[in-house]
Amino acid sequence: MARAMESSSKSRKESVLIKYAVVSRLLVLFLTVLWRSFLQPYDTSAALNPPCLHHRDVPEDSPPLLVANSVSKTLENSVVWDSVYFLRITQCGYEYEQTYAFLPLLPFFISLLSRTVFAPLVPLIGLRAVMVLSGYVVTNVTFVFAAIYLFRVSVIILKDTEASFRASVIFCFNPASIFYSSIYSESLYALFSIGGVYHLLSGASNVAVLWFALSGCARSNGILNAGYICFQTMHRAYEAFYLKRRFCLSVQVLVTGFIRCVCICLPFVAFQAYGYYNICHGHKLDDELRPWCKAKVPLLYNFIQSHYWGVGFLRYFQFIQLPNFLLASPILSLAVCSIVSYMKTRPELFTSLGFQATEKEKRSSARLYSLKEVLEPDVITSSNEVGSRDIRQRKPSRKKDVTITTNTAAESNSPEASGYFSADVLPFVVHLGLMAATAFFIMHVQVATRFLSASPPLYWFASHLIASPKHSKWGYLMWSYCAAYILLGSLLFSNFYPFT
């Protein structure tokens, strides 16, 4: 009965969350149109659309690329910043070296949608406007699904429906909202990254690998999701080798984990190989080769980030970039506070990478520590039968029963048993720490707002602060931060002014 009521409560919360997610997207789109109608864009060159370099003979009866009407002009004028690259790739493919910094998943979905669902609109508004419309539909719809998956993941990890709902609502109005409603890859990355985590926690590891691999097709940092597989593999191998003394099983766990990590990284590596073939292959003279083609490990993505955008370790630490550090300071401060709070509350667990977790925490429904579901069914059955016989044969002892009951109650009531400070949150905190360090020391720091915006522990920690009576003021500060960045982002970004 209690389980049915809990399931019903989750369903109701999920339905309400969908409404919040849809309303948040409509709000951001409305603000974008509003600011764009009142202000003159700083740069209007995005509307220029020269023919593709590899021009093909177009049949006379083919649909027009551009149509001069108000709808098509409005859609085309909304294309700013990196959206220009994604649409150009959708239309013409990878023409220039720097375009390989933008991974192909979003252009693929835009092309698929514009040539199927929205194909009847091409004669009315033109192919380019249809691609723009398709891009907006892809990013906004996938955001709604990303919010749903975040709620489901949060319920498994936090074991608190209310806290999970608060965290998911904060995500719906997160400070990087403008990028989740624009033609950017953030929504796709969030969907496949968080969705992959959900499938991993649910025991569908192979499905999780597929989703993580797709997140790596959306953004390069998707390959970091292999860390969740590494964490799970590490603990399962330890349990198999040291606790169960089963060497063959530990080898099986390690090999399976390694193969899964390779599968996650493979799409990104394949895309780098594709770029190498297009740019470097066939050039016999050294003078014709690009510098990165001559490297022992020719990584196109790293070269583009360094050569065209000046990305590198401490290269952004300049006094002139101080405003950008200030722009990124709220999200970085939230990330650092969430990590430090977890470290202070669970120091032994953090420093041991989870090996100091209690037995109850290891048996959590999140499946991050336990080896149980990878054991053979007959082994599980036999062990359960032995356990049942031991329980039946055990003589009752009131003193021992009281002790066990007391310990169980204390364990369940401890702040570490559930919520933000549970052992299940540890791999997410480590992942967030790696991402935050990368954003601060290597990347253009202002990108941190959207780079970290798909990290679940940010929203779990924010939800924890809002619910805590000691930190009630942080709730107002959190919502003010989100509202200010939504307003500021929709104003600056939509009019081609620098934001994050």
Protein backbone atom coordinates (compact mmCIF):
# COMPACT_ATOMS: atom_id res chain seq x y z
CA MET A 1 0.00 0.00 0.00
CA ALA A 2 2.77 2.41 0.98
CA ARG A 3 4.70 1.55 -2.17
CA ALA A 4 1.65 2.22 -4.34
CA MET A 5 1.11 5.59 -2.68
CA GLU A 6 4.78 6.46 -3.19
CA SER A 7 4.57 5.51 -6.87
CA SER A 8 1.44 7.62 -7.26
CA SER A 9 3.18 10.58 -5.62
CA LYS A 10 6.14 10.24 -8.00
CA SER A 11 3.79 10.17 -11.00
CA ARG A 12 2.00 13.32 -9.83
CA LYS A 13 5.31 15.11 -9.23
CA GLU A 14 6.53 14.08 -12.66
CA SER A 15 3.39 15.42 -14.32
CA VAL A 16 3.77 18.75 -12.53
CA LEU A 17 7.46 18.83 -13.44
CA ILE A 18 6.62 18.45 -17.13
CA LYS A 19 4.42 21.54 -16.86
CA TYR A 20 7.26 23.47 -15.21
CA ALA A 21 9.68 22.36 -17.92
CA VAL A 22 7.34 23.41 -20.74
CA VAL A 23 6.51 26.74 -19.09
CA SER A 24 10.19 27.48 -18.55
CA ARG A 25 10.95 26.89 -22.25
CA LEU A 26 8.03 29.05 -23.35
CA LEU A 27 9.17 31.78 -20.96
CA VAL A 28 12.72 31.79 -22.33
CA LEU A 29 11.50 31.82 -25.94
CA PHE A 30 9.10 34.66 -25.15
CA LEU A 31 11.86 36.72 -23.54
CA THR A 32 14.12 36.05 -26.51
CA VAL A 33 11.52 37.34 -28.96
CA LEU A 34 10.72 40.28 -26.70
CA TRP A 35 14.31 41.49 -26.31
CA ARG A 36 15.04 40.91 -29.99
CA SER A 37 12.08 43.07 -31.01
CA PHE A 38 13.18 45.97 -28.80
CA LEU A 39 16.94 46.00 -29.39
CA GLN A 40 19.14 46.10 -32.45
CA PRO A 41 21.55 43.13 -32.65
CA TYR A 42 25.20 43.92 -32.13
CA ASP A 43 26.19 41.75 -35.11
CA THR A 44 23.88 41.04 -38.05
CA SER A 45 26.31 38.97 -40.13
CA ALA A 46 24.72 35.70 -39.00
CA ALA A 47 21.94 36.25 -41.54
CA LEU A 48 24.49 35.94 -44.37
CA ASN A 49 24.39 32.49 -45.92
CA PRO A 50 26.84 32.01 -48.81
CA PRO A 51 26.58 28.88 -51.00
CA CYS A 52 28.20 25.70 -49.73
CA LEU A 53 31.81 25.20 -50.76
CA HIS A 54 31.04 21.80 -52.21
CA HIS A 55 28.22 23.05 -54.38
CA ARG A 56 26.09 20.42 -56.01
CA ASP A 57 23.87 20.78 -59.02
CA VAL A 58 20.44 21.56 -57.65
CA PRO A 59 17.43 20.28 -59.63
CA GLU A 60 15.08 22.95 -60.92
CA ASP A 61 12.13 21.53 -59.01
CA SER A 62 14.00 21.41 -55.67
CA PRO A 63 12.52 23.41 -52.77
CA PRO A 64 13.95 26.90 -52.21
CA LEU A 65 16.66 27.43 -49.62
CA LEU A 66 15.41 30.92 -48.69
CA VAL A 67 11.93 32.41 -48.87
CA ALA A 68 11.36 36.10 -48.26
CA ASN A 69 8.51 36.33 -45.78
CA SER A 70 8.16 37.52 -42.19
CA VAL A 71 8.21 34.03 -40.65
CA SER A 72 11.37 32.90 -42.43
CA LYS A 73 13.14 36.20 -41.71
CA THR A 74 12.25 36.03 -38.02
CA LEU A 75 13.56 32.48 -37.76
CA GLU A 76 16.76 33.20 -39.68
CA ASN A 77 17.50 36.35 -37.69
CA SER A 78 17.31 34.39 -34.44
CA VAL A 79 20.41 32.40 -35.40
CA VAL A 80 23.32 33.73 -33.33
CA TRP A 81 26.71 32.62 -32.00
CA ASP A 82 27.35 28.85 -32.25
CA SER A 83 23.92 28.27 -33.76
CA VAL A 84 25.40 29.58 -37.01
CA TYR A 85 27.90 26.73 -37.04
CA PHE A 86 25.37 24.02 -36.27
CA LEU A 87 23.03 25.15 -39.06
CA ARG A 88 25.88 25.54 -41.52
CA ILE A 89 27.03 21.99 -40.77
CA THR A 90 23.45 20.74 -41.20
CA GLN A 91 23.22 22.41 -44.59
CA CYS A 92 26.73 21.98 -46.00
CA GLY A 93 28.57 19.46 -43.86
CA TYR A 94 32.00 20.04 -42.34
CA GLU A 95 33.58 22.56 -44.73
CA TYR A 96 36.18 24.26 -42.56
CA GLU A 97 38.68 22.98 -40.03
CA GLN A 98 37.18 24.92 -37.11
CA THR A 99 33.72 23.46 -37.70
CA TYR A 100 34.98 20.10 -36.41
CA ALA A 101 34.77 21.57 -32.90
CA PHE A 102 31.00 21.09 -33.18
CA LEU A 103 29.98 17.48 -32.90
CA PRO A 104 27.46 15.96 -35.31
CA LEU A 105 24.55 14.80 -33.15
CA LEU A 106 22.61 18.09 -33.17
CA PRO A 107 23.08 18.68 -36.93
CA PHE A 108 21.94 15.09 -37.50
CA PHE A 109 18.69 15.58 -35.58
CA ILE A 110 18.06 18.95 -37.25
CA SER A 111 18.55 17.41 -40.68
CA LEU A 112 16.36 14.42 -39.81
CA LEU A 113 13.50 16.57 -38.56
CA SER A 114 13.67 19.14 -41.35
CA ARG A 115 13.53 16.43 -44.00
CA THR A 116 10.71 14.44 -42.42
CA VAL A 117 8.30 16.06 -39.96
CA PHE A 118 8.72 19.65 -41.17
CA ALA A 119 9.39 18.88 -44.84
CA PRO A 120 5.91 20.17 -45.90
CA LEU A 121 6.88 23.64 -44.60
CA VAL A 122 9.91 23.96 -46.89
CA PRO A 123 7.99 25.45 -49.88
CA LEU A 124 6.34 27.97 -47.53
CA ILE A 125 9.29 29.33 -45.54
CA GLY A 126 12.35 27.81 -47.19
CA LEU A 127 14.73 25.04 -46.19
CA ARG A 128 16.99 27.19 -44.00
CA ALA A 129 14.06 28.49 -41.92
CA VAL A 130 12.78 24.92 -41.57
CA MET A 131 16.19 23.86 -40.28
CA VAL A 132 16.09 26.70 -37.75
CA LEU A 133 12.61 25.63 -36.63
CA SER A 134 13.77 22.02 -36.38
CA GLY A 135 16.70 23.09 -34.24
CA TYR A 136 14.46 24.89 -31.78
CA VAL A 137 12.09 21.93 -31.56
CA VAL A 138 14.95 19.47 -30.97
CA THR A 139 16.56 21.47 -28.18
CA ASN A 140 13.37 22.43 -26.35
CA VAL A 141 11.73 19.00 -26.52
CA THR A 142 14.89 17.20 -25.41
CA PHE A 143 15.18 19.62 -22.50
CA VAL A 144 11.77 18.51 -21.20
CA PHE A 145 12.87 14.87 -21.33
CA ALA A 146 16.17 15.78 -19.64
CA ALA A 147 14.21 17.33 -16.75
CA ILE A 148 12.14 14.13 -16.42
CA TYR A 149 15.24 11.96 -16.31
CA LEU A 150 16.86 14.25 -13.75
CA PHE A 151 13.83 13.78 -11.49
CA ARG A 152 14.00 10.00 -11.87
CA VAL A 153 17.73 9.90 -11.18
CA SER A 154 17.27 12.18 -8.19
CA VAL A 155 14.59 9.93 -6.69
CA ILE A 156 16.94 6.94 -6.92
CA ILE A 157 19.94 8.79 -5.51
CA LEU A 158 18.35 11.08 -2.90
CA LYS A 159 15.50 8.72 -1.92
CA ASP A 160 13.42 11.83 -1.28
CA THR A 161 10.65 12.74 -3.70
CA GLU A 162 10.28 16.31 -2.47
CA ALA A 163 14.00 17.07 -2.65
CA SER A 164 14.15 15.47 -6.11
CA PHE A 165 11.25 17.59 -7.29
CA ARG A 166 12.85 20.80 -6.00
CA ALA A 167 16.14 19.95 -7.70
CA SER A 168 14.37 19.27 -10.99
CA VAL A 169 12.40 22.53 -10.85
CA ILE A 170 15.64 24.44 -10.27
CA PHE A 171 17.04 22.71 -13.34
CA CYS A 172 14.02 23.89 -15.35
CA PHE A 173 14.97 27.48 -14.53
CA ASN A 174 18.73 27.00 -14.42
CA PRO A 175 20.99 30.02 -15.16
CA ALA A 176 22.03 28.59 -18.55
CA SER A 177 18.39 28.32 -19.70
CA ILE A 178 18.93 30.42 -22.83
CA PHE A 179 21.27 27.75 -24.24
CA TYR A 180 18.74 24.99 -23.62
CA SER A 181 16.20 26.84 -25.75
CA SER A 182 18.61 27.92 -28.50
CA ILE A 183 20.18 25.84 -31.25
CA TYR A 184 22.94 24.57 -29.00
CA SER A 185 23.95 21.05 -28.00
CA GLU A 186 23.36 21.51 -24.24
CA SER A 187 19.87 19.97 -24.26
CA LEU A 188 20.94 16.86 -26.16
CA TYR A 189 23.97 16.42 -23.93
CA ALA A 190 21.86 16.80 -20.78
CA LEU A 191 19.30 14.29 -22.05
CA PHE A 192 21.76 11.55 -22.97
CA SER A 193 24.08 12.21 -20.04
CA ILE A 194 21.40 12.21 -17.34
CA GLY A 195 19.37 9.57 -19.15
CA GLY A 196 22.45 7.35 -19.32
CA VAL A 197 22.90 7.72 -15.57
CA TYR A 198 19.27 6.71 -15.04
CA HIS A 199 19.69 3.53 -17.08
CA LEU A 200 22.94 2.75 -15.26
CA LEU A 201 21.25 3.11 -11.88
CA SER A 202 18.34 0.99 -13.09
CA GLY A 203 20.66 -1.89 -13.98
CA ALA A 204 20.51 -1.50 -17.79
CA SER A 205 24.26 -0.97 -18.15
CA ASN A 206 24.42 -1.65 -21.90
CA VAL A 207 21.66 0.85 -22.58
CA ALA A 208 23.51 3.34 -20.38
CA VAL A 209 26.66 2.85 -22.47
CA LEU A 210 24.69 3.68 -25.61
CA TRP A 211 23.27 6.85 -24.06
CA PHE A 212 26.67 7.93 -22.75
CA ALA A 213 28.15 7.35 -26.20
CA LEU A 214 25.43 9.55 -27.72
CA SER A 215 26.22 12.27 -25.15
CA GLY A 216 29.79 12.15 -26.50
CA CYS A 217 28.35 12.75 -29.97
CA ALA A 218 26.70 15.91 -28.69
CA ARG A 219 29.56 17.41 -26.64
CA SER A 220 33.17 16.35 -26.18
CA ASN A 221 32.84 16.21 -22.39
CA GLY A 222 30.40 13.34 -22.87
CA ILE A 223 33.36 10.96 -22.76
CA LEU A 224 33.80 11.91 -19.08
CA ASN A 225 30.60 9.96 -18.42
CA ALA A 226 32.76 6.86 -18.74
CA GLY A 227 33.84 7.77 -15.21
CA TYR A 228 30.54 6.45 -13.86
CA ILE A 229 31.30 3.07 -15.45
CA CYS A 230 34.84 3.21 -14.03
CA PHE A 231 33.52 3.92 -10.53
CA GLN A 232 31.02 1.08 -10.70
CA THR A 233 33.60 -1.32 -12.17
CA MET A 234 36.18 -0.44 -9.52
CA HIS A 235 33.85 -1.26 -6.64
CA ARG A 236 32.44 -4.37 -8.22
CA ALA A 237 35.91 -5.71 -8.99
CA TYR A 238 36.98 -5.02 -5.40
CA GLU A 239 33.97 -6.86 -4.03
CA ALA A 240 34.50 -9.81 -6.36
CA PHE A 241 38.23 -10.15 -5.66
CA TYR A 242 38.70 -9.17 -2.00
CA LEU A 243 35.33 -9.95 -0.44
CA LYS A 244 34.02 -12.89 -2.45
CA ARG A 245 37.47 -14.28 -3.42
CA ARG A 246 36.37 -14.93 -6.99
CA PHE A 247 39.26 -14.04 -9.26
CA CYS A 248 37.57 -15.01 -12.53
CA LEU A 249 34.54 -12.89 -11.69
CA SER A 250 36.74 -9.88 -10.90
CA VAL A 251 38.51 -10.27 -14.26
CA GLN A 252 35.13 -10.50 -15.98
CA VAL A 253 33.99 -7.30 -14.26
CA LEU A 254 37.18 -5.44 -15.24
CA VAL A 255 37.07 -6.56 -18.86
CA THR A 256 33.38 -5.72 -19.19
CA GLY A 257 33.94 -2.28 -17.66
CA PHE A 258 36.89 -1.61 -19.97
CA ILE A 259 34.89 -2.57 -23.06
CA ARG A 260 32.02 -0.33 -21.97
CA CYS A 261 34.36 2.63 -21.47
CA VAL A 262 35.85 2.05 -24.92
CA CYS A 263 32.35 2.00 -26.43
CA ILE A 264 31.55 5.32 -24.75
CA CYS A 265 34.70 6.98 -26.11
CA LEU A 266 34.53 5.34 -29.54
CA PRO A 267 32.11 7.79 -31.27
CA PHE A 268 34.24 10.80 -30.32
CA VAL A 269 37.43 9.03 -31.44
CA ALA A 270 35.73 7.99 -34.69
CA PHE A 271 34.77 11.60 -35.35
CA GLN A 272 38.40 12.67 -34.86
CA ALA A 273 39.44 9.98 -37.34
CA TYR A 274 36.82 11.30 -39.76
CA GLY A 275 38.32 14.78 -39.49
CA TYR A 276 41.82 13.40 -40.00
CA TYR A 277 40.72 11.59 -43.13
CA ASN A 278 39.04 14.69 -44.60
CA ILE A 279 41.80 17.17 -43.80
CA CYS A 280 45.06 15.20 -43.68
CA HIS A 281 44.55 12.16 -45.90
CA GLY A 282 45.91 12.45 -49.44
CA HIS A 283 48.38 15.29 -48.77
CA LYS A 284 51.84 13.90 -49.49
CA LEU A 285 53.82 17.13 -49.13
CA ASP A 286 54.58 18.38 -45.62
CA ASP A 287 53.86 21.94 -46.72
CA GLU A 288 50.26 20.96 -47.46
CA LEU A 289 49.68 19.30 -44.09
CA ARG A 290 48.17 21.11 -41.16
CA PRO A 291 50.43 21.14 -38.05
CA TRP A 292 48.25 18.76 -36.05
CA CYS A 293 48.34 16.20 -38.88
CA LYS A 294 52.06 15.65 -38.22
CA ALA A 295 51.63 14.92 -34.51
CA LYS A 296 52.16 11.41 -33.15
CA VAL A 297 48.60 11.51 -31.82
CA PRO A 298 46.75 13.84 -34.22
CA LEU A 299 43.90 15.24 -32.13
CA LEU A 300 41.91 17.64 -34.26
CA TYR A 301 39.63 18.78 -31.42
CA ASN A 302 42.48 19.86 -29.15
CA PHE A 303 44.18 21.74 -31.98
CA ILE A 304 41.00 23.63 -32.88
CA GLN A 305 40.33 24.63 -29.28
CA SER A 306 43.89 25.87 -28.84
CA HIS A 307 44.49 27.44 -32.25
CA TYR A 308 41.14 29.11 -32.96
CA TRP A 309 39.80 29.81 -29.46
CA GLY A 310 42.94 30.04 -27.33
CA VAL A 311 41.89 27.27 -24.95
CA GLY A 312 44.68 25.92 -22.75
CA PHE A 313 45.94 25.53 -19.20
CA LEU A 314 45.96 28.98 -17.48
CA ARG A 315 45.87 30.75 -20.87
CA TYR A 316 42.73 32.62 -19.82
CA PHE A 317 44.27 33.99 -16.64
CA GLN A 318 44.60 37.59 -17.81
CA PHE A 319 43.49 40.78 -16.12
CA ILE A 320 41.39 41.71 -19.15
CA GLN A 321 39.30 38.55 -18.58
CA LEU A 322 38.30 39.54 -15.04
CA PRO A 323 34.67 40.36 -16.07
CA ASN A 324 34.33 36.85 -17.48
CA PHE A 325 35.61 35.35 -14.23
CA LEU A 326 33.01 37.41 -12.37
CA LEU A 327 30.31 36.20 -14.77
CA ALA A 328 31.22 32.59 -14.04
CA SER A 329 31.77 33.09 -10.30
CA PRO A 330 28.21 32.16 -9.15
CA ILE A 331 28.15 28.73 -10.81
CA LEU A 332 31.76 28.01 -9.81
CA SER A 333 31.04 29.10 -6.22
CA LEU A 334 28.02 26.80 -6.09
CA ALA A 335 30.09 23.93 -7.46
CA VAL A 336 32.92 24.49 -4.98
CA CYS A 337 30.51 24.83 -2.04
CA SER A 338 28.71 21.63 -2.97
CA ILE A 339 31.99 19.71 -3.22
CA VAL A 340 33.47 21.16 -0.01
CA SER A 341 30.24 20.51 1.93
CA TYR A 342 30.26 16.90 0.82
CA MET A 343 33.95 16.52 1.72
CA LYS A 344 33.43 17.99 5.20
CA THR A 345 30.38 15.84 5.91
CA ARG A 346 31.81 12.59 4.53
CA PRO A 347 35.61 13.02 4.66
CA GLU A 348 36.47 9.34 4.99
CA LEU A 349 34.07 8.35 2.23
CA PHE A 350 35.44 11.04 -0.10
CA THR A 351 39.12 10.32 0.46
CA SER A 352 38.56 6.56 0.10
CA LEU A 353 36.58 7.01 -3.15
CA GLY A 354 33.59 5.26 -1.59
CA PHE A 355 35.34 2.24 -0.08
CA GLN A 356 34.38 3.44 3.42
CA ALA A 357 30.67 3.30 2.59
CA THR A 358 28.51 1.31 5.00
CA GLU A 359 27.10 -2.06 3.98
CA LYS A 360 23.62 -0.59 3.82
CA GLU A 361 24.81 2.17 1.48
CA LYS A 362 26.52 -0.39 -0.75
CA ARG A 363 23.24 -2.29 -1.00
CA SER A 364 21.48 0.85 -2.20
CA SER A 365 19.03 0.69 -5.09
CA ALA A 366 21.39 2.91 -7.11
CA ARG A 367 23.53 -0.14 -8.01
CA LEU A 368 26.78 1.83 -7.96
CA TYR A 369 28.58 -0.38 -5.44
CA SER A 370 26.86 -3.76 -5.30
CA LEU A 371 27.89 -6.75 -7.40
CA LYS A 372 24.60 -8.54 -6.87
CA GLU A 373 23.02 -8.07 -10.31
CA VAL A 374 26.08 -9.34 -12.19
CA LEU A 375 26.27 -12.61 -10.24
CA GLU A 376 24.81 -15.74 -11.77
CA PRO A 377 21.14 -16.30 -10.85
CA ASP A 378 21.89 -19.70 -9.28
CA VAL A 379 24.53 -18.19 -7.01
CA ILE A 380 22.10 -15.52 -5.84
CA THR A 381 19.37 -18.08 -5.26
CA SER A 382 21.61 -20.45 -3.35
CA SER A 383 22.99 -17.67 -1.17
CA ASN A 384 19.47 -16.49 -0.41
CA GLU A 385 18.43 -20.02 0.53
CA VAL A 386 21.40 -20.37 2.85
CA GLY A 387 20.57 -17.02 4.39
CA SER A 388 16.96 -18.12 4.91
CA ARG A 389 18.05 -21.37 6.61
CA ASP A 390 20.41 -19.43 8.88
CA ILE A 391 17.60 -17.13 9.91
CA ARG A 392 15.26 -20.04 10.63
CA GLN A 393 17.89 -21.90 12.64
CA ARG A 394 18.99 -18.85 14.62
CA LYS A 395 17.84 -18.83 18.21
CA PRO A 396 15.97 -15.72 19.23
CA SER A 397 17.87 -13.31 21.41
CA ARG A 398 16.05 -10.25 22.62
CA LYS A 399 19.24 -8.40 23.47
CA LYS A 400 20.76 -9.00 20.04
CA ASP A 401 17.51 -8.13 18.28
CA VAL A 402 17.27 -4.89 20.17
CA THR A 403 20.85 -4.05 19.23
CA ILE A 404 20.26 -4.78 15.57
CA THR A 405 17.03 -2.79 15.55
CA THR A 406 18.72 0.15 17.24
CA ASN A 407 21.62 0.12 14.79
CA THR A 408 19.28 -0.12 11.82
CA ALA A 409 17.18 2.78 13.06
CA ALA A 410 20.24 4.89 13.74
CA GLU A 411 21.61 4.10 10.29
CA SER A 412 18.37 5.02 8.54
CA ASN A 413 18.00 8.24 10.50
CA SER A 414 21.59 9.38 9.94
CA PRO A 415 22.04 12.33 7.54
CA GLU A 416 24.36 10.19 5.41
CA ALA A 417 21.80 7.45 4.74
CA SER A 418 19.91 9.49 2.17
CA GLY A 419 19.87 12.93 0.62
CA TYR A 420 22.76 14.91 -0.76
CA PHE A 421 25.35 13.39 1.59
CA SER A 422 24.65 9.75 0.76
CA ALA A 423 27.37 7.51 -0.68
CA ASP A 424 25.53 7.35 -4.01
CA VAL A 425 26.24 11.04 -4.62
CA LEU A 426 30.03 10.55 -4.44
CA PRO A 427 30.72 9.73 -8.13
CA PHE A 428 28.63 12.73 -9.18
CA VAL A 429 30.60 15.02 -6.87
CA VAL A 430 33.90 13.72 -8.27
CA HIS A 431 32.59 14.22 -11.80
CA LEU A 432 31.52 17.77 -10.95
CA GLY A 433 34.93 18.52 -9.42
CA LEU A 434 36.71 17.42 -12.59
CA MET A 435 34.37 19.49 -14.76
CA ALA A 436 34.71 22.59 -12.55
CA ALA A 437 38.52 22.35 -12.55
CA THR A 438 38.51 22.05 -16.34
CA ALA A 439 36.24 25.07 -16.72
CA PHE A 440 38.29 27.23 -14.35
CA PHE A 441 41.86 26.36 -15.36
CA ILE A 442 41.60 25.38 -19.04
CA MET A 443 38.47 26.65 -20.79
CA HIS A 444 37.10 30.12 -21.39
CA VAL A 445 35.82 30.53 -17.86
CA GLN A 446 32.56 32.26 -18.79
CA VAL A 447 31.46 29.02 -20.49
CA ALA A 448 31.34 27.42 -17.04
CA THR A 449 27.69 28.46 -16.56
CA ARG A 450 26.48 26.23 -19.37
CA PHE A 451 29.33 23.71 -19.13
CA LEU A 452 28.33 22.76 -15.58
CA SER A 453 24.59 23.26 -15.99
CA ALA A 454 23.90 19.57 -16.66
CA SER A 455 25.61 18.39 -13.44
CA PRO A 456 22.97 16.89 -11.10
CA PRO A 457 24.83 17.55 -7.80
CA LEU A 458 24.50 21.30 -8.34
CA TYR A 459 20.72 21.00 -8.19
CA TRP A 460 20.78 18.44 -5.38
CA PHE A 461 22.91 20.73 -3.26
CA ALA A 462 20.73 23.74 -4.12
CA SER A 463 17.65 21.73 -3.14
CA HIS A 464 19.37 20.77 0.13
CA LEU A 465 20.13 24.42 0.91
CA ILE A 466 16.61 25.59 0.13
CA ALA A 467 15.07 22.94 2.41
CA SER A 468 17.46 23.58 5.27
CA PRO A 469 16.07 25.97 7.97
CA LYS A 470 19.63 27.14 8.69
CA HIS A 471 20.14 28.28 5.10
CA SER A 472 16.73 29.74 4.22
CA LYS A 473 18.30 32.92 2.83
CA TRP A 474 20.20 30.84 0.29
CA GLY A 475 16.90 29.84 -1.29
CA TYR A 476 16.08 33.44 -2.18
CA LEU A 477 19.62 34.00 -3.40
CA MET A 478 19.45 30.87 -5.56
CA TRP A 479 16.21 31.84 -7.25
CA SER A 480 17.41 35.42 -7.72
CA TYR A 481 20.55 34.12 -9.40
CA CYS A 482 18.55 31.92 -11.78
CA ALA A 483 16.07 34.71 -12.61
CA ALA A 484 18.83 37.28 -13.20
CA TYR A 485 20.77 35.00 -15.54
CA ILE A 486 17.63 34.04 -17.47
CA LEU A 487 16.79 37.70 -18.02
CA LEU A 488 20.39 38.69 -18.72
CA GLY A 489 21.03 35.71 -20.96
CA SER A 490 17.90 36.16 -23.07
CA LEU A 491 18.71 39.86 -23.45
CA LEU A 492 22.40 39.63 -24.34
CA PHE A 493 22.59 36.30 -26.14
CA SER A 494 19.62 36.86 -28.46
CA ASN A 495 21.07 40.19 -29.63
CA PHE A 496 24.53 38.78 -30.33
CA TYR A 497 26.18 40.28 -27.26
CA PRO A 498 28.67 38.15 -25.28
CA PHE A 499 27.14 36.13 -22.48
CA THR A 500 28.59 32.77 -21.40
